């Protein structure tokens, strides 16, 4: 009976997701202010570059759902600042570049937060195959990038080339 309990506890502990994994699974499909707040709360004790990147993305997403133009601008600027600082401090972390790529592609052009789209795409496409990210995350990143509305045919082809090599 002791062994059954030990095996059961081991299996349960292996299936529990970390807060970061939970946010990864739901990103970028956040559909409400409440969801964004929930994920910010989940990540508050994680100081990794990836957690900071997703936290920044949640603030950017909050700007989409919050009422009032001044509040929208406040959350947008806060998220942008966190994300750009995170990338400046950790330029080789592909996952945060992926986050910025998606955010910049989704944010209206009139806000002027679209200067790093090609740079981030280039870094991701050049280094993703050799990165130490797990294969499922790589696939999710590439599949999500393919869903971007105005992705060029050249970039779509590049993503398909990388997918073929995975």
N, C-alpha and C. Protein backbone atom coordinates (compact mmCIF):
# COMPACT_ATOMS: atom_id res chain seq x y z
N UNK A 1 0.83 -1.20 0.00
CA UNK A 1 0.00 0.00 0.00
C UNK A 1 0.87 1.26 0.00
N UNK A 2 2.02 1.19 0.73
CA UNK A 2 2.92 2.35 0.74
C UNK A 2 3.40 2.68 -0.66
N UNK A 3 3.71 1.63 -1.43
CA UNK A 3 4.23 1.86 -2.78
C UNK A 3 3.16 2.47 -3.69
N UNK A 4 1.91 2.02 -3.53
CA UNK A 4 0.83 2.57 -4.33
C UNK A 4 0.70 4.07 -4.06
N UNK A 5 0.75 4.46 -2.80
CA UNK A 5 0.65 5.87 -2.44
C UNK A 5 1.80 6.68 -3.01
N UNK A 6 3.00 6.14 -2.95
CA UNK A 6 4.18 6.82 -3.48
C UNK A 6 4.08 6.98 -4.99
N UNK A 7 3.66 5.94 -5.69
CA UNK A 7 3.51 6.00 -7.13
C UNK A 7 2.40 6.99 -7.50
N UNK A 8 1.27 6.94 -6.79
CA UNK A 8 0.16 7.86 -7.06
C UNK A 8 0.60 9.31 -6.86
N UNK A 9 1.28 9.59 -5.76
CA UNK A 9 1.74 10.95 -5.47
C UNK A 9 2.73 11.41 -6.54
N UNK A 10 3.62 10.52 -6.99
CA UNK A 10 4.60 10.86 -8.02
C UNK A 10 3.91 11.21 -9.34
N UNK A 11 2.90 10.43 -9.71
CA UNK A 11 2.18 10.70 -10.96
C UNK A 11 1.41 12.02 -10.89
N UNK A 12 0.80 12.29 -9.76
CA UNK A 12 0.05 13.54 -9.59
C UNK A 12 1.00 14.72 -9.67
N UNK A 13 2.15 14.64 -9.01
CA UNK A 13 3.08 15.76 -9.00
C UNK A 13 3.67 16.02 -10.38
N UNK A 14 3.79 14.99 -11.20
CA UNK A 14 4.32 15.18 -12.54
C UNK A 14 3.32 15.87 -13.46
N UNK A 15 2.02 15.72 -13.18
CA UNK A 15 1.02 16.28 -14.07
C UNK A 15 0.62 17.71 -13.72
N UNK A 16 1.14 18.25 -12.63
CA UNK A 16 0.80 19.61 -12.23
C UNK A 16 1.64 20.61 -13.03
N UNK A 17 0.96 21.57 -13.63
CA UNK A 17 1.66 22.57 -14.43
C UNK A 17 2.18 23.70 -13.55
N UNK A 18 3.32 24.24 -13.94
CA UNK A 18 3.80 25.44 -13.28
C UNK A 18 2.97 26.62 -13.78
N UNK A 19 2.97 27.73 -13.06
CA UNK A 19 2.23 28.91 -13.55
C UNK A 19 2.69 29.33 -14.95
N UNK A 20 4.01 29.27 -15.20
CA UNK A 20 4.52 29.66 -16.52
C UNK A 20 3.97 28.74 -17.61
N UNK A 21 3.94 27.44 -17.36
CA UNK A 21 3.41 26.50 -18.35
C UNK A 21 1.93 26.75 -18.61
N UNK A 22 1.20 27.08 -17.56
CA UNK A 22 -0.22 27.38 -17.70
C UNK A 22 -0.44 28.60 -18.59
N UNK A 23 0.35 29.65 -18.38
CA UNK A 23 0.22 30.85 -19.20
C UNK A 23 0.62 30.53 -20.64
N UNK A 24 1.69 29.78 -20.82
CA UNK A 24 2.12 29.39 -22.18
C UNK A 24 1.00 28.69 -22.93
N UNK A 25 0.31 27.79 -22.23
CA UNK A 25 -0.76 27.03 -22.87
C UNK A 25 -1.90 27.92 -23.36
N UNK A 26 -2.15 29.01 -22.65
CA UNK A 26 -3.28 29.87 -22.99
C UNK A 26 -2.89 31.09 -23.82
N UNK A 27 -1.62 31.34 -23.94
CA UNK A 27 -1.15 32.48 -24.71
C UNK A 27 -1.18 32.14 -26.19
N UNK A 28 -1.60 33.02 -27.04
CA UNK A 28 -2.06 34.39 -26.87
C UNK A 28 -3.58 34.53 -26.85
N UNK A 29 -4.28 33.47 -26.49
CA UNK A 29 -5.74 33.44 -26.57
C UNK A 29 -6.43 33.96 -25.31
N UNK A 30 -5.97 35.06 -24.80
CA UNK A 30 -6.58 35.69 -23.64
C UNK A 30 -7.77 36.50 -24.15
N UNK A 31 -8.93 36.30 -23.54
CA UNK A 31 -10.14 36.93 -24.07
C UNK A 31 -10.82 37.90 -23.11
N UNK A 32 -10.19 38.17 -21.96
CA UNK A 32 -10.83 39.09 -21.03
C UNK A 32 -9.81 39.73 -20.09
N UNK A 33 -10.23 40.80 -19.50
CA UNK A 33 -9.44 41.48 -18.48
C UNK A 33 -9.20 40.55 -17.30
N UNK A 34 -10.22 39.80 -16.93
CA UNK A 34 -10.12 38.87 -15.82
C UNK A 34 -9.05 37.80 -16.06
N UNK A 35 -9.01 37.26 -17.26
CA UNK A 35 -7.98 36.26 -17.59
C UNK A 35 -6.58 36.86 -17.51
N UNK A 36 -6.42 38.04 -18.06
CA UNK A 36 -5.10 38.70 -18.02
C UNK A 36 -4.67 38.93 -16.58
N UNK A 37 -5.58 39.41 -15.75
CA UNK A 37 -5.26 39.62 -14.33
C UNK A 37 -4.90 38.32 -13.63
N UNK A 38 -5.62 37.27 -13.95
CA UNK A 38 -5.36 35.95 -13.34
C UNK A 38 -3.94 35.48 -13.68
N UNK A 39 -3.53 35.66 -14.92
CA UNK A 39 -2.20 35.21 -15.33
C UNK A 39 -1.10 36.10 -14.76
N UNK A 40 -1.36 37.39 -14.64
CA UNK A 40 -0.39 38.27 -13.98
C UNK A 40 -0.18 37.81 -12.55
N UNK A 41 -1.25 37.49 -11.88
CA UNK A 41 -1.17 37.00 -10.49
C UNK A 41 -0.39 35.69 -10.41
N UNK A 42 -0.64 34.79 -11.34
CA UNK A 42 0.06 33.50 -11.35
C UNK A 42 1.57 33.67 -11.51
N UNK A 43 1.97 34.68 -12.29
CA UNK A 43 3.39 34.86 -12.62
C UNK A 43 4.13 35.77 -11.66
N UNK A 44 3.47 36.33 -10.68
CA UNK A 44 4.09 37.36 -9.86
C UNK A 44 5.32 36.88 -9.08
N UNK A 45 5.43 35.59 -8.80
CA UNK A 45 6.57 35.08 -8.05
C UNK A 45 7.66 34.48 -8.93
N UNK A 46 7.51 34.61 -10.23
CA UNK A 46 8.50 34.07 -11.18
C UNK A 46 9.26 35.24 -11.80
N UNK A 47 10.56 35.27 -11.59
CA UNK A 47 11.37 36.38 -12.10
C UNK A 47 12.15 36.01 -13.36
N UNK A 48 11.80 34.90 -13.98
CA UNK A 48 12.50 34.49 -15.21
C UNK A 48 12.17 35.46 -16.34
N UNK A 49 13.06 35.56 -17.32
CA UNK A 49 12.78 36.42 -18.47
C UNK A 49 11.46 36.04 -19.18
N UNK A 50 11.19 34.75 -19.25
CA UNK A 50 9.97 34.29 -19.91
C UNK A 50 8.73 34.76 -19.15
N UNK A 51 8.75 34.63 -17.83
CA UNK A 51 7.61 35.08 -17.02
C UNK A 51 7.41 36.58 -17.14
N UNK A 52 8.51 37.33 -17.15
CA UNK A 52 8.41 38.78 -17.33
C UNK A 52 7.80 39.10 -18.70
N UNK A 53 8.20 38.35 -19.71
CA UNK A 53 7.66 38.57 -21.05
C UNK A 53 6.16 38.32 -21.12
N UNK A 54 5.71 37.22 -20.50
CA UNK A 54 4.28 36.94 -20.50
C UNK A 54 3.51 37.94 -19.63
N UNK A 55 4.12 38.38 -18.55
CA UNK A 55 3.48 39.41 -17.73
C UNK A 55 3.30 40.69 -18.54
N UNK A 56 4.33 41.07 -19.26
CA UNK A 56 4.24 42.25 -20.13
C UNK A 56 3.12 42.07 -21.15
N UNK A 57 3.03 40.88 -21.74
CA UNK A 57 1.98 40.62 -22.72
C UNK A 57 0.60 40.73 -22.09
N UNK A 58 0.47 40.30 -20.83
CA UNK A 58 -0.82 40.41 -20.14
C UNK A 58 -1.21 41.88 -19.95
N UNK A 59 -0.23 42.73 -19.65
CA UNK A 59 -0.53 44.16 -19.53
C UNK A 59 -0.94 44.74 -20.89
N UNK A 60 -0.27 44.32 -21.93
CA UNK A 60 -0.65 44.76 -23.27
C UNK A 60 -2.07 44.29 -23.61
N UNK A 61 -2.39 43.08 -23.22
CA UNK A 61 -3.73 42.56 -23.48
C UNK A 61 -4.78 43.25 -22.61
N UNK A 62 -4.39 43.61 -21.39
CA UNK A 62 -5.32 44.35 -20.54
C UNK A 62 -5.73 45.66 -21.20
N UNK A 63 -4.79 46.27 -21.92
CA UNK A 63 -5.11 47.54 -22.59
C UNK A 63 -6.21 47.34 -23.63
N UNK A 64 -6.36 46.14 -24.12
CA UNK A 64 -7.42 45.84 -25.09
C UNK A 64 -8.79 45.78 -24.41
N UNK A 65 -8.84 45.31 -23.17
CA UNK A 65 -10.11 45.04 -22.52
C UNK A 65 -10.54 46.06 -21.47
N UNK A 66 -9.63 46.91 -21.04
CA UNK A 66 -9.95 47.89 -20.01
C UNK A 66 -10.76 49.03 -20.62
N UNK A 67 -11.59 49.64 -19.81
CA UNK A 67 -12.40 50.78 -20.28
C UNK A 67 -11.60 52.07 -20.12
N UNK A 68 -11.84 53.00 -20.98
CA UNK A 68 -11.24 54.32 -20.88
C UNK A 68 -9.92 54.44 -21.61
N UNK A 69 -9.77 55.47 -22.43
CA UNK A 69 -8.56 55.62 -23.24
C UNK A 69 -7.29 55.86 -22.41
N UNK A 70 -7.40 56.56 -21.29
CA UNK A 70 -6.21 56.82 -20.48
C UNK A 70 -5.72 55.54 -19.80
N UNK A 71 -6.66 54.72 -19.34
CA UNK A 71 -6.29 53.44 -18.73
C UNK A 71 -5.69 52.51 -19.78
N UNK A 72 -6.28 52.50 -20.97
CA UNK A 72 -5.75 51.68 -22.06
C UNK A 72 -4.30 52.06 -22.35
N UNK A 73 -4.05 53.37 -22.47
CA UNK A 73 -2.71 53.85 -22.77
C UNK A 73 -1.73 53.53 -21.63
N UNK A 74 -2.18 53.65 -20.40
CA UNK A 74 -1.33 53.35 -19.25
C UNK A 74 -0.88 51.89 -19.26
N UNK A 75 -1.82 50.97 -19.47
CA UNK A 75 -1.46 49.54 -19.49
C UNK A 75 -0.60 49.21 -20.71
N UNK A 76 -0.91 49.82 -21.85
CA UNK A 76 -0.10 49.61 -23.05
C UNK A 76 1.35 50.02 -22.80
N UNK A 77 1.55 51.24 -22.30
CA UNK A 77 2.91 51.73 -22.05
C UNK A 77 3.65 50.89 -21.02
N UNK A 78 2.94 50.45 -19.99
CA UNK A 78 3.56 49.62 -18.95
C UNK A 78 4.01 48.27 -19.53
N UNK A 79 3.13 47.63 -20.29
CA UNK A 79 3.47 46.35 -20.91
C UNK A 79 4.62 46.47 -21.89
N UNK A 80 4.57 47.52 -22.70
CA UNK A 80 5.63 47.77 -23.69
C UNK A 80 6.98 47.96 -22.99
N UNK A 81 6.99 48.73 -21.94
CA UNK A 81 8.23 49.00 -21.20
C UNK A 81 8.81 47.72 -20.60
N UNK A 82 7.97 46.92 -19.97
CA UNK A 82 8.44 45.66 -19.37
C UNK A 82 9.01 44.75 -20.46
N UNK A 83 8.30 44.61 -21.55
CA UNK A 83 8.72 43.68 -22.61
C UNK A 83 10.01 44.14 -23.27
N UNK A 84 10.10 45.40 -23.61
CA UNK A 84 11.32 45.89 -24.26
C UNK A 84 12.52 45.81 -23.32
N UNK A 85 12.35 46.15 -22.05
CA UNK A 85 13.44 46.02 -21.07
C UNK A 85 13.88 44.57 -20.93
N UNK A 86 12.90 43.67 -20.90
CA UNK A 86 13.19 42.24 -20.76
C UNK A 86 14.02 41.75 -21.95
N UNK A 87 13.68 42.18 -23.14
CA UNK A 87 14.43 41.76 -24.33
C UNK A 87 15.81 42.42 -24.36
N UNK A 88 15.89 43.67 -23.95
CA UNK A 88 17.21 44.33 -23.88
C UNK A 88 18.14 43.62 -22.92
N UNK A 89 17.60 43.12 -21.81
CA UNK A 89 18.41 42.41 -20.82
C UNK A 89 18.68 40.97 -21.22
N UNK A 90 17.83 40.39 -22.06
CA UNK A 90 17.92 38.97 -22.44
C UNK A 90 17.69 38.80 -23.94
N UNK A 91 18.56 39.38 -24.77
CA UNK A 91 18.29 39.38 -26.22
C UNK A 91 18.30 38.00 -26.87
N UNK A 92 18.88 37.02 -26.23
CA UNK A 92 18.95 35.68 -26.83
C UNK A 92 17.80 34.76 -26.42
N UNK A 93 16.90 35.23 -25.56
CA UNK A 93 15.77 34.40 -25.12
C UNK A 93 14.68 34.48 -26.19
N UNK A 94 14.58 33.42 -26.97
CA UNK A 94 13.68 33.42 -28.12
C UNK A 94 12.22 33.56 -27.74
N UNK A 95 11.85 33.00 -26.63
CA UNK A 95 10.44 33.01 -26.25
C UNK A 95 9.92 34.43 -26.02
N UNK A 96 10.75 35.31 -25.47
CA UNK A 96 10.26 36.68 -25.26
C UNK A 96 10.25 37.46 -26.58
N UNK A 97 11.12 37.10 -27.49
CA UNK A 97 11.04 37.71 -28.82
C UNK A 97 9.77 37.26 -29.55
N UNK A 98 9.42 36.01 -29.35
CA UNK A 98 8.16 35.47 -29.90
C UNK A 98 6.97 36.25 -29.34
N UNK A 99 6.99 36.50 -28.05
CA UNK A 99 5.90 37.26 -27.41
C UNK A 99 5.82 38.65 -28.04
N UNK A 100 6.98 39.34 -28.16
CA UNK A 100 6.96 40.68 -28.72
C UNK A 100 6.51 40.66 -30.18
N UNK A 101 6.99 39.68 -30.94
CA UNK A 101 6.56 39.55 -32.34
C UNK A 101 5.04 39.49 -32.42
N UNK A 102 4.42 38.61 -31.65
CA UNK A 102 2.96 38.48 -31.69
C UNK A 102 2.26 39.75 -31.22
N UNK A 103 2.76 40.35 -30.16
CA UNK A 103 2.13 41.56 -29.64
C UNK A 103 2.23 42.69 -30.67
N UNK A 104 3.40 42.86 -31.27
CA UNK A 104 3.56 43.93 -32.24
C UNK A 104 2.71 43.70 -33.50
N UNK A 105 2.51 42.45 -33.87
CA UNK A 105 1.67 42.15 -35.02
C UNK A 105 0.19 42.40 -34.72
N UNK A 106 -0.21 42.30 -33.44
CA UNK A 106 -1.62 42.44 -33.07
C UNK A 106 -2.00 43.86 -32.66
N UNK A 107 -1.03 44.66 -32.31
CA UNK A 107 -1.30 46.02 -31.82
C UNK A 107 -1.49 46.94 -33.03
N UNK A 108 -2.50 47.81 -32.96
CA UNK A 108 -2.74 48.72 -34.10
C UNK A 108 -1.50 49.54 -34.44
N UNK A 109 -1.26 49.72 -35.73
CA UNK A 109 -0.07 50.43 -36.21
C UNK A 109 0.02 51.87 -35.71
N UNK A 110 -1.12 52.51 -35.48
CA UNK A 110 -1.07 53.92 -35.08
C UNK A 110 -0.40 54.11 -33.71
N UNK A 111 -0.26 53.04 -32.94
CA UNK A 111 0.43 53.14 -31.65
C UNK A 111 1.95 53.14 -31.81
N UNK A 112 2.43 52.79 -32.99
CA UNK A 112 3.86 52.86 -33.28
C UNK A 112 4.70 51.79 -32.63
N UNK A 113 4.06 50.73 -32.15
CA UNK A 113 4.83 49.65 -31.52
C UNK A 113 4.94 48.49 -32.51
N UNK A 114 5.71 48.73 -33.57
CA UNK A 114 5.85 47.71 -34.61
C UNK A 114 7.24 47.73 -35.24
N UNK A 115 8.19 48.28 -34.53
CA UNK A 115 9.54 48.48 -35.09
C UNK A 115 10.42 47.23 -35.05
N UNK A 116 10.04 46.23 -34.27
CA UNK A 116 10.92 45.07 -34.08
C UNK A 116 10.39 43.79 -34.70
N UNK A 117 9.35 43.89 -35.50
CA UNK A 117 8.71 42.70 -36.05
C UNK A 117 9.69 41.87 -36.88
N UNK A 118 10.35 42.49 -37.84
CA UNK A 118 11.27 41.75 -38.71
C UNK A 118 12.50 41.27 -37.95
N UNK A 119 13.01 42.12 -37.04
CA UNK A 119 14.16 41.72 -36.23
C UNK A 119 13.84 40.48 -35.41
N UNK A 120 12.69 40.50 -34.73
CA UNK A 120 12.32 39.35 -33.90
C UNK A 120 12.08 38.11 -34.75
N UNK A 121 11.42 38.28 -35.89
CA UNK A 121 11.20 37.13 -36.77
C UNK A 121 12.53 36.54 -37.23
N UNK A 122 13.46 37.39 -37.59
CA UNK A 122 14.77 36.92 -38.05
C UNK A 122 15.52 36.15 -36.97
N UNK A 123 15.51 36.68 -35.77
CA UNK A 123 16.21 36.00 -34.66
C UNK A 123 15.54 34.66 -34.36
N UNK A 124 14.23 34.66 -34.30
CA UNK A 124 13.50 33.42 -34.01
C UNK A 124 13.78 32.38 -35.09
N UNK A 125 13.63 32.77 -36.35
CA UNK A 125 13.78 31.81 -37.44
C UNK A 125 15.22 31.32 -37.57
N UNK A 126 16.19 32.14 -37.20
CA UNK A 126 17.59 31.73 -37.31
C UNK A 126 18.03 30.81 -36.17
N UNK A 127 17.41 30.95 -35.01
CA UNK A 127 17.93 30.25 -33.84
C UNK A 127 17.00 29.23 -33.21
N UNK A 128 15.78 29.12 -33.69
CA UNK A 128 14.81 28.24 -33.04
C UNK A 128 15.21 26.77 -33.09
N UNK A 129 15.66 26.30 -34.24
CA UNK A 129 16.00 24.88 -34.38
C UNK A 129 17.08 24.45 -33.38
N UNK A 130 18.08 25.29 -33.19
CA UNK A 130 19.19 24.91 -32.31
C UNK A 130 18.94 25.26 -30.84
N UNK A 131 17.83 25.91 -30.56
CA UNK A 131 17.56 26.32 -29.18
C UNK A 131 17.24 25.11 -28.31
N UNK A 132 17.33 25.31 -27.00
CA UNK A 132 17.04 24.23 -26.07
C UNK A 132 15.58 24.20 -25.62
N UNK A 133 14.71 24.94 -26.30
CA UNK A 133 13.29 24.87 -26.00
C UNK A 133 12.77 23.49 -26.37
N UNK A 134 11.76 23.02 -25.64
CA UNK A 134 11.26 21.70 -25.98
C UNK A 134 10.47 21.75 -27.30
N UNK A 135 10.38 20.62 -27.94
CA UNK A 135 9.80 20.54 -29.27
C UNK A 135 8.36 21.03 -29.30
N UNK A 136 7.57 20.69 -28.28
CA UNK A 136 6.17 21.12 -28.25
C UNK A 136 6.05 22.64 -28.22
N UNK A 137 6.91 23.29 -27.45
CA UNK A 137 6.88 24.75 -27.40
C UNK A 137 7.30 25.34 -28.74
N UNK A 138 8.31 24.77 -29.35
CA UNK A 138 8.74 25.24 -30.68
C UNK A 138 7.59 25.13 -31.68
N UNK A 139 6.90 24.00 -31.67
CA UNK A 139 5.78 23.79 -32.58
C UNK A 139 4.66 24.80 -32.32
N UNK A 140 4.35 25.02 -31.04
CA UNK A 140 3.31 25.98 -30.69
C UNK A 140 3.69 27.38 -31.16
N UNK A 141 4.94 27.76 -30.94
CA UNK A 141 5.39 29.08 -31.37
C UNK A 141 5.22 29.24 -32.88
N UNK A 142 5.70 28.28 -33.63
CA UNK A 142 5.64 28.37 -35.10
C UNK A 142 4.20 28.33 -35.59
N UNK A 143 3.38 27.45 -35.03
CA UNK A 143 1.98 27.37 -35.44
C UNK A 143 1.24 28.67 -35.15
N UNK A 144 1.53 29.27 -34.00
CA UNK A 144 0.88 30.54 -33.64
C UNK A 144 1.36 31.66 -34.55
N UNK A 145 2.63 31.67 -34.89
CA UNK A 145 3.16 32.69 -35.79
C UNK A 145 2.51 32.58 -37.17
N UNK A 146 2.20 31.37 -37.60
CA UNK A 146 1.54 31.18 -38.90
C UNK A 146 0.13 31.77 -38.92
N UNK A 147 -0.47 31.96 -37.76
CA UNK A 147 -1.83 32.49 -37.69
C UNK A 147 -1.90 34.02 -37.79
N UNK A 148 -0.74 34.66 -37.80
CA UNK A 148 -0.70 36.12 -37.90
C UNK A 148 -1.32 36.53 -39.24
N UNK A 149 -2.22 37.51 -39.18
CA UNK A 149 -2.98 37.91 -40.37
C UNK A 149 -2.14 38.33 -41.56
N UNK A 150 -1.20 39.22 -41.35
CA UNK A 150 -0.48 39.79 -42.50
C UNK A 150 0.95 39.26 -42.62
N UNK A 151 1.14 38.01 -42.30
CA UNK A 151 2.46 37.40 -42.44
C UNK A 151 2.78 37.23 -43.92
N UNK A 152 3.96 37.66 -44.32
CA UNK A 152 4.34 37.57 -45.73
C UNK A 152 4.51 36.11 -46.16
N UNK A 153 4.37 35.88 -47.44
CA UNK A 153 4.56 34.54 -47.99
C UNK A 153 5.98 34.03 -47.72
N UNK A 154 6.95 34.94 -47.81
CA UNK A 154 8.34 34.56 -47.54
C UNK A 154 8.48 34.08 -46.09
N UNK A 155 7.87 34.78 -45.15
CA UNK A 155 7.95 34.38 -43.75
C UNK A 155 7.17 33.09 -43.49
N UNK A 156 6.04 32.93 -44.15
CA UNK A 156 5.28 31.68 -44.02
C UNK A 156 6.13 30.51 -44.51
N UNK A 157 6.79 30.70 -45.65
CA UNK A 157 7.64 29.64 -46.20
C UNK A 157 8.79 29.31 -45.25
N UNK A 158 9.37 30.33 -44.65
CA UNK A 158 10.47 30.12 -43.70
C UNK A 158 9.97 29.30 -42.51
N UNK A 159 8.79 29.61 -41.99
CA UNK A 159 8.23 28.86 -40.87
C UNK A 159 8.00 27.41 -41.28
N UNK A 160 7.47 27.20 -42.47
CA UNK A 160 7.23 25.82 -42.95
C UNK A 160 8.55 25.06 -43.10
N UNK A 161 9.60 25.72 -43.54
CA UNK A 161 10.92 25.07 -43.63
C UNK A 161 11.38 24.62 -42.25
N UNK A 162 11.21 25.48 -41.25
CA UNK A 162 11.63 25.13 -39.89
C UNK A 162 10.77 23.98 -39.37
N UNK A 163 9.47 24.04 -39.62
CA UNK A 163 8.57 22.95 -39.18
C UNK A 163 8.99 21.61 -39.80
N UNK A 164 9.38 21.64 -41.05
CA UNK A 164 9.82 20.40 -41.73
C UNK A 164 11.08 19.81 -41.08
N UNK A 165 11.90 20.66 -40.50
CA UNK A 165 13.15 20.19 -39.88
C UNK A 165 12.96 19.75 -38.43
N UNK A 166 11.84 20.09 -37.84
CA UNK A 166 11.61 19.71 -36.43
C UNK A 166 11.30 18.25 -36.30
